[in-house]
Amino acid sequence: MSTYPPLNSLRIFEAAARLESFSAAASELFVTHGAVSKQIKQLEDWLGVPLFERSGGRVRLTDAGWRYLVQVQDGLDLIANATAQLLQPNRQRRLSINSTPTFAAYWLLPRLERFRERFPDLELHLATSDRDLSRLDSPFDIAIRRGPGDWPGHIAKPFLKEWELPLCSPALLDKLPLHRPDNLTTHTLLHADTRPTAWPRWLTLAGVPELKPASSMHFDKFSLALLAAIDGLGVVLGPMPMAQALIDAGRLVSPLPTPVVTVRDYCWVAPRMSAEDATVATFCRWLESEADKAAPLPH
């Protein structure tokens, strides 16, 4: 038996797996639903492994399907990049970066001009997402995520430490003092669904695990919770050193310097096939050098 599965089946599998829908894959590839189903079945028969669970007209990847998807996407990306370089050897190099929204807005963007000054001929494409890397709609050269994570088929390295402190607007602090952790009983706590354990963890380490705030507000994304704090709606457990620029600009203050709660480091993540690319390696080294200039973790 050949070690190469049918390439057309792989292309259809990648679309169906990425979109989690045979119908959506058929629409994207301009084929019929039946053609997609047939190609997937042929691929599963060839592999001898079920890639999808089928139930009531819906499909869901099996564990083996998820693992296979990561490797197939890497392979298809490699073929696409090799083809583009062959057809357009002198084209402008493009670097695709996928970052979490908060990191992109408050840490990466303020520094990106320094990178562009050093590499003006490099075209940057920045997308933001909180989704798992295996569920992204578009390929990337480098992703920035909090880790360590489960990223099969990728090379990853931590480059920036993060810790959390209560942050609020100066105007809010003028109205409601915040000298000790138990003063938070008079404040509104701002929560983000992407960091559900942040406040309970900090309050426990601050010695007030049962504290009841005046009220709470919840947001689906942390970037919204941070904006709410800037607008004076409450106190957010903010990330340092990312929020340092907001403190330096006077938009936020840090009234309680302790306890310092360390959380997961930020990592750059690159598909294994492109990790050794000179442009990718250059950007990763630049991220590390910028992180070295950031405020150190307090002791």
C-alpha atoms as a PDB file:
ATOM      1  CA  MET A   1       0.000   0.000   0.000  1.00  0.00           C
ATOM      2  CA  SER A   2       1.239   3.514  -0.826  1.00  0.00           C
ATOM      3  CA  THR A   3       2.111   5.668   2.175  1.00  0.00           C
ATOM      4  CA  TYR A   4       0.444   8.650   0.481  1.00  0.00           C
ATOM      5  CA  PRO A   5      -3.333   8.930   0.937  1.00  0.00           C
ATOM      6  CA  PRO A   6      -5.437  10.420  -1.888  1.00  0.00           C
ATOM      7  CA  LEU A   7      -4.513  14.116  -1.973  1.00  0.00           C
ATOM      8  CA  ASN A   8      -7.998  15.250  -2.981  1.00  0.00           C
ATOM      9  CA  SER A   9      -9.434  13.420   0.028  1.00  0.00           C
ATOM     10  CA  LEU A  10      -6.940  15.209   2.279  1.00  0.00           C
ATOM     11  CA  ARG A  11      -7.998  18.594   0.939  1.00  0.00           C
ATOM     12  CA  ILE A  12     -11.658  17.785   1.506  1.00  0.00           C
ATOM     13  CA  PHE A  13     -10.927  16.340   4.958  1.00  0.00           C
ATOM     14  CA  GLU A  14      -9.083  19.521   5.992  1.00  0.00           C
ATOM     15  CA  ALA A  15     -12.002  21.723   4.971  1.00  0.00           C
ATOM     16  CA  ALA A  16     -14.632  19.500   6.615  1.00  0.00           C
ATOM     17  CA  ALA A  17     -12.594  19.217   9.815  1.00  0.00           C
ATOM     18  CA  ARG A  18     -11.812  22.924   9.998  1.00  0.00           C
ATOM     19  CA  LEU A  19     -15.428  23.912   9.385  1.00  0.00           C
ATOM     20  CA  GLU A  20     -16.862  20.951  11.361  1.00  0.00           C
ATOM     21  CA  SER A  21     -19.445  20.520   8.629  1.00  0.00           C
ATOM     22  CA  PHE A  22     -19.640  18.482   5.426  1.00  0.00           C
ATOM     23  CA  SER A  23     -22.133  20.962   3.988  1.00  0.00           C
ATOM     24  CA  ALA A  24     -19.918  23.976   4.703  1.00  0.00           C
ATOM     25  CA  ALA A  25     -16.929  22.168   3.199  1.00  0.00           C
ATOM     26  CA  ALA A  26     -18.940  21.361   0.087  1.00  0.00           C
ATOM     27  CA  SER A  27     -19.915  25.022  -0.276  1.00  0.00           C
ATOM     28  CA  GLU A  28     -16.322  26.226   0.190  1.00  0.00           C
ATOM     29  CA  LEU A  29     -14.920  23.732  -2.324  1.00  0.00           C
ATOM     30  CA  PHE A  30     -17.803  24.032  -4.831  1.00  0.00           C
ATOM     31  CA  VAL A  31     -18.680  20.339  -4.727  1.00  0.00           C
ATOM     32  CA  THR A  32     -21.734  18.442  -3.523  1.00  0.00           C
ATOM     33  CA  HIS A  33     -22.364  17.251   0.019  1.00  0.00           C
ATOM     34  CA  GLY A  34     -22.345  13.702  -1.344  1.00  0.00           C
ATOM     35  CA  ALA A  35     -18.901  14.188  -2.872  1.00  0.00           C
ATOM     36  CA  VAL A  36     -17.502  15.349   0.469  1.00  0.00           C
ATOM     37  CA  SER A  37     -19.067  12.439   2.323  1.00  0.00           C
ATOM     38  CA  LYS A  38     -17.744   9.969  -0.244  1.00  0.00           C
ATOM     39  CA  GLN A  39     -14.178  11.340  -0.127  1.00  0.00           C
ATOM     40  CA  ILE A  40     -14.138  11.307   3.691  1.00  0.00           C
ATOM     41  CA  LYS A  41     -15.397   7.715   3.731  1.00  0.00           C
ATOM     42  CA  GLN A  42     -12.709   6.699   1.218  1.00  0.00           C
ATOM     43  CA  LEU A  43     -10.029   8.353   3.353  1.00  0.00           C
ATOM     44  CA  GLU A  44     -11.275   6.639   6.527  1.00  0.00           C
ATOM     45  CA  ASP A  45     -11.322   3.280   4.724  1.00  0.00           C
ATOM     46  CA  TRP A  46      -7.801   3.895   3.412  1.00  0.00           C
ATOM     47  CA  LEU A  47      -6.529   4.796   6.884  1.00  0.00           C
ATOM     48  CA  GLY A  48      -8.591   2.183   8.697  1.00  0.00           C
ATOM     49  CA  VAL A  49      -9.432   4.816  11.318  1.00  0.00           C
ATOM     50  CA  PRO A  50     -12.685   6.786  11.827  1.00  0.00           C
ATOM     51  CA  LEU A  51     -11.994  10.520  11.577  1.00  0.00           C
ATOM     52  CA  PHE A  52     -15.499  11.792  12.307  1.00  0.00           C
ATOM     53  CA  GLU A  53     -18.342  10.848  14.613  1.00  0.00           C
ATOM     54  CA  ARG A  54     -21.685  11.112  12.793  1.00  0.00           C
ATOM     55  CA  SER A  55     -24.878  11.731  14.749  1.00  0.00           C
ATOM     56  CA  GLY A  56     -28.204  13.086  13.547  1.00  0.00           C
ATOM     57  CA  GLY A  57     -26.770  14.775  10.498  1.00  0.00           C
ATOM     58  CA  ARG A  58     -23.983  16.417  12.510  1.00  0.00           C
ATOM     59  CA  VAL A  59     -20.305  15.494  12.402  1.00  0.00           C
ATOM     60  CA  ARG A  60     -17.579  15.852  15.005  1.00  0.00           C
ATOM     61  CA  LEU A  61     -13.911  14.963  14.816  1.00  0.00           C
ATOM     62  CA  THR A  62     -12.706  11.951  16.747  1.00  0.00           C
ATOM     63  CA  ASP A  63      -9.517  12.226  18.804  1.00  0.00           C
ATOM     64  CA  ALA A  64      -7.649  10.586  15.943  1.00  0.00           C
ATOM     65  CA  GLY A  65      -9.253  13.063  13.566  1.00  0.00           C
ATOM     66  CA  TRP A  66      -8.003  16.038  15.610  1.00  0.00           C
ATOM     67  CA  ARG A  67      -4.464  14.669  15.669  1.00  0.00           C
ATOM     68  CA  TYR A  68      -4.549  13.965  11.953  1.00  0.00           C
ATOM     69  CA  LEU A  69      -5.940  17.428  11.142  1.00  0.00           C
ATOM     70  CA  VAL A  70      -2.948  19.174  12.715  1.00  0.00           C
ATOM     71  CA  GLN A  71      -0.487  17.160  10.626  1.00  0.00           C
ATOM     72  CA  VAL A  72      -2.512  17.481   7.417  1.00  0.00           C
ATOM     73  CA  GLN A  73      -2.753  21.270   7.811  1.00  0.00           C
ATOM     74  CA  ASP A  74       1.010  21.466   8.309  1.00  0.00           C
ATOM     75  CA  GLY A  75       1.568  19.426   5.169  1.00  0.00           C
ATOM     76  CA  LEU A  76      -0.861  21.421   3.031  1.00  0.00           C
ATOM     77  CA  ASP A  77       0.654  24.697   4.290  1.00  0.00           C
ATOM     78  CA  LEU A  78       4.107  23.440   3.346  1.00  0.00           C
ATOM     79  CA  ILE A  79       2.922  22.538  -0.175  1.00  0.00           C
ATOM     80  CA  ALA A  80       1.197  25.930  -0.557  1.00  0.00           C
ATOM     81  CA  ASN A  81       4.285  27.842   0.592  1.00  0.00           C
ATOM     82  CA  ALA A  82       6.620  25.840  -1.646  1.00  0.00           C
ATOM     83  CA  THR A  83       4.327  26.420  -4.631  1.00  0.00           C
ATOM     84  CA  ALA A  84       4.076  30.156  -3.984  1.00  0.00           C
ATOM     85  CA  GLN A  85       7.849  30.497  -3.710  1.00  0.00           C
ATOM     86  CA  LEU A  86       8.311  28.558  -6.955  1.00  0.00           C
ATOM     87  CA  LEU A  87       5.766  30.624  -8.884  1.00  0.00           C
ATOM     88  CA  GLN A  88       6.707  33.978  -7.352  1.00  0.00           C
ATOM     89  CA  PRO A  89      10.329  33.741  -6.179  1.00  0.00           C
ATOM     90  CA  ASN A  90      10.737  37.519  -5.889  1.00  0.00           C
ATOM     91  CA  ARG A  91       7.444  38.277  -4.190  1.00  0.00           C
ATOM     92  CA  GLN A  92       7.363  40.304  -0.992  1.00  0.00           C
ATOM     93  CA  ARG A  93       7.656  38.018   2.046  1.00  0.00           C
ATOM     94  CA  ARG A  94       4.507  37.907   4.163  1.00  0.00           C
ATOM     95  CA  LEU A  95       4.443  36.930   7.827  1.00  0.00           C
ATOM     96  CA  SER A  96       1.092  35.850   9.285  1.00  0.00           C
ATOM     97  CA  ILE A  97       0.731  36.289  13.044  1.00  0.00           C
ATOM     98  CA  ASN A  98      -2.194  35.106  15.157  1.00  0.00           C
ATOM     99  CA  SER A  99      -2.339  36.582  18.661  1.00  0.00           C
ATOM    100  CA  THR A 100      -4.789  36.768  21.509  1.00  0.00           C
ATOM    101  CA  PRO A 101      -6.681  40.098  21.284  1.00  0.00           C
ATOM    102  CA  THR A 102      -5.475  41.630  24.546  1.00  0.00           C
ATOM    103  CA  PHE A 103      -1.835  40.798  23.900  1.00  0.00           C
ATOM    104  CA  ALA A 104      -2.028  42.207  20.384  1.00  0.00           C
ATOM    105  CA  ALA A 105      -3.686  45.457  21.467  1.00  0.00           C
ATOM    106  CA  TYR A 106      -1.688  46.277  24.600  1.00  0.00           C
ATOM    107  CA  TRP A 107       1.728  44.659  24.080  1.00  0.00           C
ATOM    108  CA  LEU A 108       2.413  43.756  20.467  1.00  0.00           C
ATOM    109  CA  LEU A 109       1.006  46.730  18.534  1.00  0.00           C
ATOM    110  CA  PRO A 110       2.807  49.422  20.569  1.00  0.00           C
ATOM    111  CA  ARG A 111       6.111  47.683  19.752  1.00  0.00           C
ATOM    112  CA  LEU A 112       5.465  46.547  16.195  1.00  0.00           C
ATOM    113  CA  GLU A 113       6.717  49.740  14.575  1.00  0.00           C
ATOM    114  CA  ARG A 114      10.194  48.969  15.898  1.00  0.00           C
ATOM    115  CA  PHE A 115      10.114  45.663  14.046  1.00  0.00           C
ATOM    116  CA  ARG A 116       8.860  47.316  10.848  1.00  0.00           C
ATOM    117  CA  GLU A 117      11.682  49.856  11.000  1.00  0.00           C
ATOM    118  CA  ARG A 118      14.210  47.015  10.980  1.00  0.00           C
ATOM    119  CA  PHE A 119      12.400  44.983   8.299  1.00  0.00           C
ATOM    120  CA  PRO A 120      10.488  47.446   6.102  1.00  0.00           C
ATOM    121  CA  ASP A 121      10.139  45.010   3.177  1.00  0.00           C
ATOM    122  CA  LEU A 122       8.289  42.418   5.236  1.00  0.00           C
ATOM    123  CA  GLU A 123       4.511  42.420   4.898  1.00  0.00           C
ATOM    124  CA  LEU A 124       2.844  41.656   8.246  1.00  0.00           C
ATOM    125  CA  HIS A 125      -0.619  40.174   8.575  1.00  0.00           C
ATOM    126  CA  LEU A 126      -1.991  40.223  12.133  1.00  0.00           C
ATOM    127  CA  ALA A 127      -5.142  38.352  13.168  1.00  0.00           C
ATOM    128  CA  THR A 128      -6.514  37.992  16.692  1.00  0.00           C
ATOM    129  CA  SER A 129      -8.310  35.072  18.268  1.00  0.00           C
ATOM    130  CA  ASP A 130      -8.742  33.285  21.590  1.00  0.00           C
ATOM    131  CA  ARG A 131      -9.523  29.994  19.838  1.00  0.00           C
ATOM    132  CA  ASP A 132      -7.420  26.866  20.172  1.00  0.00           C
ATOM    133  CA  LEU A 133      -4.820  26.692  17.436  1.00  0.00           C
ATOM    134  CA  SER A 134      -6.343  23.512  16.011  1.00  0.00           C
ATOM    135  CA  ARG A 135      -9.621  25.370  15.444  1.00  0.00           C
ATOM    136  CA  LEU A 136      -8.331  28.443  13.627  1.00  0.00           C
ATOM    137  CA  ASP A 137      -9.873  29.173  10.234  1.00  0.00           C
ATOM    138  CA  SER A 138      -6.675  30.441   8.605  1.00  0.00           C
ATOM    139  CA  PRO A 139      -3.064  29.215   8.634  1.00  0.00           C
ATOM    140  CA  PHE A 140      -0.372  31.194  10.463  1.00  0.00           C
ATOM    141  CA  ASP A 141       3.393  31.447  10.581  1.00  0.00           C
ATOM    142  CA  ILE A 142       3.525  32.394  14.266  1.00  0.00           C
ATOM    143  CA  ALA A 143       0.871  32.311  16.982  1.00  0.00           C
ATOM    144  CA  ILE A 144       1.060  33.911  20.419  1.00  0.00           C
ATOM    145  CA  ARG A 145      -0.744  32.075  23.185  1.00  0.00           C
ATOM    146  CA  ARG A 146      -0.527  31.602  26.929  1.00  0.00           C
ATOM    147  CA  GLY A 147       1.106  28.305  27.718  1.00  0.00           C
ATOM    148  CA  PRO A 148       2.331  25.734  28.035  1.00  0.00           C
ATOM    149  CA  GLY A 149      -0.303  24.244  25.762  1.00  0.00           C
ATOM    150  CA  ASP A 150      -1.039  21.094  23.820  1.00  0.00           C
ATOM    151  CA  TRP A 151       0.232  22.053  20.374  1.00  0.00           C
ATOM    152  CA  PRO A 152       1.172  18.878  18.467  1.00  0.00           C
ATOM    153  CA  GLY A 153       3.013  19.526  15.248  1.00  0.00           C
ATOM    154  CA  HIS A 154       4.327  22.882  16.495  1.00  0.00           C
ATOM    155  CA  ILE A 155       7.437  24.302  18.120  1.00  0.00           C
ATOM    156  CA  ALA A 156       6.785  26.599  21.081  1.00  0.00           C
ATOM    157  CA  LYS A 157       8.837  28.657  23.521  1.00  0.00           C
ATOM    158  CA  PRO A 158       7.808  30.925  26.439  1.00  0.00           C
ATOM    159  CA  PHE A 159       9.119  34.465  26.066  1.00  0.00           C
ATOM    160  CA  LEU A 160       7.132  36.731  28.434  1.00  0.00           C
ATOM    161  CA  LYS A 161       6.149  36.217  32.065  1.00  0.00           C
ATOM    162  CA  GLU A 162       2.796  37.548  33.228  1.00  0.00           C
ATOM    163  CA  TRP A 163       1.365  38.377  36.635  1.00  0.00           C
ATOM    164  CA  GLU A 164      -1.922  39.870  37.800  1.00  0.00           C
ATOM    165  CA  LEU A 165      -2.751  42.867  39.974  1.00  0.00           C
ATOM    166  CA  PRO A 166      -5.988  44.777  40.648  1.00  0.00           C
ATOM    167  CA  LEU A 167      -6.255  47.769  38.303  1.00  0.00           C
ATOM    168  CA  CYS A 168      -8.789  50.576  38.100  1.00  0.00           C
ATOM    169  CA  SER A 169      -9.178  54.108  36.784  1.00  0.00           C
ATOM    170  CA  PRO A 170      -7.810  57.037  38.838  1.00  0.00           C
ATOM    171  CA  ALA A 171     -11.315  58.601  38.844  1.00  0.00           C
ATOM    172  CA  LEU A 172     -12.804  55.494  40.450  1.00  0.00           C
ATOM    173  CA  LEU A 173     -10.100  55.482  43.108  1.00  0.00           C
ATOM    174  CA  ASP A 174     -10.897  59.106  43.926  1.00  0.00           C
ATOM    175  CA  LYS A 175     -14.500  58.111  44.686  1.00  0.00           C
ATOM    176  CA  LEU A 176     -13.870  54.764  46.376  1.00  0.00           C
ATOM    177  CA  PRO A 177     -10.566  54.274  48.211  1.00  0.00           C
ATOM    178  CA  LEU A 178      -8.781  50.951  47.839  1.00  0.00           C
ATOM    179  CA  HIS A 179      -6.031  50.599  50.436  1.00  0.00           C
ATOM    180  CA  ARG A 180      -6.491  46.952  51.459  1.00  0.00           C
ATOM    181  CA  PRO A 181      -7.951  43.855  49.810  1.00  0.00           C
ATOM    182  CA  ASP A 182     -11.029  43.961  52.065  1.00  0.00           C
ATOM    183  CA  ASN A 183     -11.855  47.419  50.643  1.00  0.00           C
ATOM    184  CA  LEU A 184     -13.011  45.566  47.525  1.00  0.00           C
ATOM    185  CA  THR A 185     -16.339  45.025  49.297  1.00  0.00           C
ATOM    186  CA  THR A 186     -17.288  48.527  48.147  1.00  0.00           C
ATOM    187  CA  HIS A 187     -16.202  47.984  44.533  1.00  0.00           C
ATOM    188  CA  THR A 188     -17.497  46.275  41.402  1.00  0.00           C
ATOM    189  CA  LEU A 189     -15.287  43.404  40.272  1.00  0.00           C
ATOM    190  CA  LEU A 190     -14.858  42.963  36.522  1.00  0.00           C
ATOM    191  CA  HIS A 191     -14.608  39.354  35.316  1.00  0.00           C
ATOM    192  CA  ALA A 192     -13.672  37.843  31.951  1.00  0.00           C
ATOM    193  CA  ASP A 193     -14.987  34.475  30.782  1.00  0.00           C
ATOM    194  CA  THR A 194     -11.544  33.704  29.339  1.00  0.00           C
ATOM    195  CA  ARG A 195     -10.013  33.976  32.837  1.00  0.00           C
ATOM    196  CA  PRO A 196     -12.720  32.539  35.118  1.00  0.00           C
ATOM    197  CA  THR A 197     -10.450  31.678  38.064  1.00  0.00           C
ATOM    198  CA  ALA A 198      -8.520  34.958  38.179  1.00  0.00           C
ATOM    199  CA  TRP A 199     -10.382  36.778  40.947  1.00  0.00           C
ATOM    200  CA  PRO A 200     -10.969  33.731  43.201  1.00  0.00           C
ATOM    201  CA  ARG A 201      -7.259  32.881  42.976  1.00  0.00           C
ATOM    202  CA  TRP A 202      -6.134  36.429  43.811  1.00  0.00           C
ATOM    203  CA  LEU A 203      -8.642  36.883  46.668  1.00  0.00           C
ATOM    204  CA  THR A 204      -7.528  33.600  48.224  1.00  0.00           C
ATOM    205  CA  LEU A 205      -3.871  34.630  48.169  1.00  0.00           C
ATOM    206  CA  ALA A 206      -4.858  38.067  49.519  1.00  0.00           C
ATOM    207  CA  GLY A 207      -6.413  36.385  52.555  1.00  0.00           C
ATOM    208  CA  VAL A 208     -10.045  37.268  51.755  1.00  0.00           C
ATOM    209  CA  PRO A 209     -11.350  34.191  49.887  1.00  0.00           C
ATOM    210  CA  GLU A 210     -14.973  34.791  50.954  1.00  0.00           C
ATOM    211  CA  LEU A 211     -15.041  38.499  50.052  1.00  0.00           C
ATOM    212  CA  LYS A 212     -18.363  39.743  48.643  1.00  0.00           C
ATOM    213  CA  PRO A 213     -17.950  42.743  46.313  1.00  0.00           C
ATOM    214  CA  ALA A 214     -20.570  45.434  45.958  1.00  0.00           C
ATOM    215  CA  SER A 215     -21.379  43.966  42.529  1.00  0.00           C
ATOM    216  CA  SER A 216     -19.834  42.120  39.610  1.00  0.00           C
ATOM    217  CA  MET A 217     -19.768  42.503  35.838  1.00  0.00           C
ATOM    218  CA  HIS A 218     -18.891  39.731  33.399  1.00  0.00           C
ATOM    219  CA  PHE A 219     -17.487  39.983  29.867  1.00  0.00           C
ATOM    220  CA  ASP A 220     -16.869  37.316  27.246  1.00  0.00           C
ATOM    221  CA  LYS A 221     -13.419  38.712  26.404  1.00  0.00           C
ATOM    222  CA  PHE A 222     -10.751  40.047  28.724  1.00  0.00           C
ATOM    223  CA  SER A 223     -10.087  43.023  26.439  1.00  0.00           C
ATOM    224  CA  LEU A 224     -13.624  44.259  27.200  1.00  0.00           C
ATOM    225  CA  ALA A 225     -13.090  43.884  30.944  1.00  0.00           C
ATOM    226  CA  LEU A 226      -9.919  45.951  30.650  1.00  0.00           C
ATOM    227  CA  LEU A 227     -11.743  48.668  28.708  1.00  0.00           C
ATOM    228  CA  ALA A 228     -14.476  48.668  31.362  1.00  0.00           C
ATOM    229  CA  ALA A 229     -11.829  49.323  34.019  1.00  0.00           C
ATOM    230  CA  ILE A 230     -10.416  52.203  31.976  1.00  0.00           C
ATOM    231  CA  ASP A 231     -13.934  53.653  31.774  1.00  0.00           C
ATOM    232  CA  GLY A 232     -14.300  53.493  35.562  1.00  0.00           C
ATOM    233  CA  LEU A 233     -16.869  50.695  35.742  1.00  0.00           C
ATOM    234  CA  GLY A 234     -14.959  48.676  38.317  1.00  0.00           C
ATOM    235  CA  VAL A 235     -11.749  46.907  39.274  1.00  0.00           C
ATOM    236  CA  VAL A 236     -10.170  44.373  36.934  1.00  0.00           C
ATOM    237  CA  LEU A 237      -7.476  41.844  37.728  1.00  0.00           C
ATOM    238  CA  GLY A 238      -5.126  43.067  35.061  1.00  0.00           C
ATOM    239  CA  PRO A 239      -2.120  41.546  33.350  1.00  0.00           C
ATOM    240  CA  MET A 240       1.371  42.882  33.911  1.00  0.00           C
ATOM    241  CA  PRO A 241       3.542  43.923  32.209  1.00  0.00           C
ATOM    242  CA  MET A 242       1.008  44.311  29.389  1.00  0.00           C
ATOM    243  CA  ALA A 243      -0.954  46.961  31.264  1.00  0.00           C
ATOM    244  CA  GLN A 244       2.161  48.951  32.178  1.00  0.00           C
ATOM    245  CA  ALA A 245       1.652  51.332  29.254  1.00  0.00           C
ATOM    246  CA  LEU A 246      -1.877  52.107  30.496  1.00  0.00           C
ATOM    247  CA  ILE A 247      -0.490  52.835  33.968  1.00  0.00           C
ATOM    248  CA  ASP A 248       2.286  55.008  32.548  1.00  0.00           C
ATOM    249  CA  ALA A 249      -0.327  56.942  30.547  1.00  0.00           C
ATOM    250  CA  GLY A 250      -2.418  57.538  33.676  1.00  0.00           C
ATOM    251  CA  ARG A 251      -5.409  55.581  32.381  1.00  0.00           C
ATOM    252  CA  LEU A 252      -5.130  52.925  35.081  1.00  0.00           C
ATOM    253  CA  VAL A 253      -3.608  52.714  38.541  1.00  0.00           C
ATOM    254  CA  SER A 254      -2.469  49.759  40.621  1.00  0.00           C
ATOM    255  CA  PRO A 255      -3.577  50.504  44.195  1.00  0.00           C
ATOM    256  CA  LEU A 256      -2.752  47.063  45.643  1.00  0.00           C
ATOM    257  CA  PRO A 257       0.817  45.988  44.766  1.00  0.00           C
ATOM    258  CA  THR A 258       0.485  42.645  46.578  1.00  0.00           C
ATOM    259  CA  PRO A 259      -0.065  39.782  46.394  1.00  0.00           C
ATOM    260  CA  VAL A 260       1.600  39.255  43.031  1.00  0.00           C
ATOM    261  CA  VAL A 261      -0.077  36.309  41.305  1.00  0.00           C
ATOM    262  CA  THR A 262       1.936  34.731  38.504  1.00  0.00           C
ATOM    263  CA  VAL A 263       0.002  33.108  35.689  1.00  0.00           C
ATOM    264  CA  ARG A 264       0.889  31.269  32.494  1.00  0.00           C
ATOM    265  CA  ASP A 265       3.697  32.637  30.350  1.00  0.00           C
ATOM    266  CA  TYR A 266       3.140  33.923  26.842  1.00  0.00           C
ATOM    267  CA  CYS A 267       4.645  31.642  24.198  1.00  0.00           C
ATOM    268  CA  TRP A 268       5.361  31.951  20.522  1.00  0.00           C
ATOM    269  CA  VAL A 269       4.134  28.935  18.619  1.00  0.00           C
ATOM    270  CA  ALA A 270       5.173  28.040  15.067  1.00  0.00           C
ATOM    271  CA  PRO A 271       4.200  25.088  12.866  1.00  0.00           C
ATOM    272  CA  ARG A 272       7.051  22.605  12.920  1.00  0.00           C
ATOM    273  CA  MET A 273       7.511  22.872   9.158  1.00  0.00           C
ATOM    274  CA  SER A 274       8.059  26.646   9.247  1.00  0.00           C
ATOM    275  CA  ALA A 275       9.828  27.059  12.591  1.00  0.00           C
ATOM    276  CA  GLU A 276      13.234  27.076  10.898  1.00  0.00           C
ATOM    277  CA  ASP A 277      12.190  29.645   8.284  1.00  0.00           C
ATOM    278  CA  ALA A 278      14.550  32.629   8.562  1.00  0.00           C
ATOM    279  CA  THR A 279      11.741  35.195   8.736  1.00  0.00           C
ATOM    280  CA  VAL A 280       9.830  33.254  11.366  1.00  0.00           C
ATOM    281  CA  ALA A 281      12.987  32.776  13.438  1.00  0.00           C
ATOM    282  CA  THR A 282      13.791  36.488  13.166  1.00  0.00           C
ATOM    283  CA  PHE A 283      10.365  37.516  14.456  1.00  0.00           C
ATOM    284  CA  CYS A 284      10.551  35.042  17.344  1.00  0.00           C
ATOM    285  CA  ARG A 285      13.953  36.390  18.369  1.00  0.00           C
ATOM    286  CA  TRP A 286      12.540  39.911  18.183  1.00  0.00           C
ATOM    287  CA  LEU A 287       9.665  38.942  20.497  1.00  0.00           C
ATOM    288  CA  GLU A 288      12.183  37.578  22.979  1.00  0.00           C
ATOM    289  CA  SER A 289      14.335  40.710  22.824  1.00  0.00           C
ATOM    290  CA  GLU A 290      11.321  42.963  23.401  1.00  0.00           C
ATOM    291  CA  ALA A 291      10.238  40.828  26.349  1.00  0.00           C
ATOM    292  CA  ASP A 292      13.691  41.239  27.880  1.00  0.00           C
ATOM    293  CA  LYS A 293      13.061  45.012  27.977  1.00  0.00           C
ATOM    294  CA  ALA A 294       9.733  44.622  29.832  1.00  0.00           C
ATOM    295  CA  ALA A 295       9.307  45.285  33.538  1.00  0.00           C
ATOM    296  CA  PRO A 296      10.595  42.332  35.568  1.00  0.00           C
ATOM    297  CA  LEU A 297       8.414  40.198  37.784  1.00  0.00           C
ATOM    298  CA  PRO A 298       8.252  41.799  41.284  1.00  0.00           C
ATOM    299  CA  HIS A 299       9.721  39.803  44.143  1.00  0.00           C
END
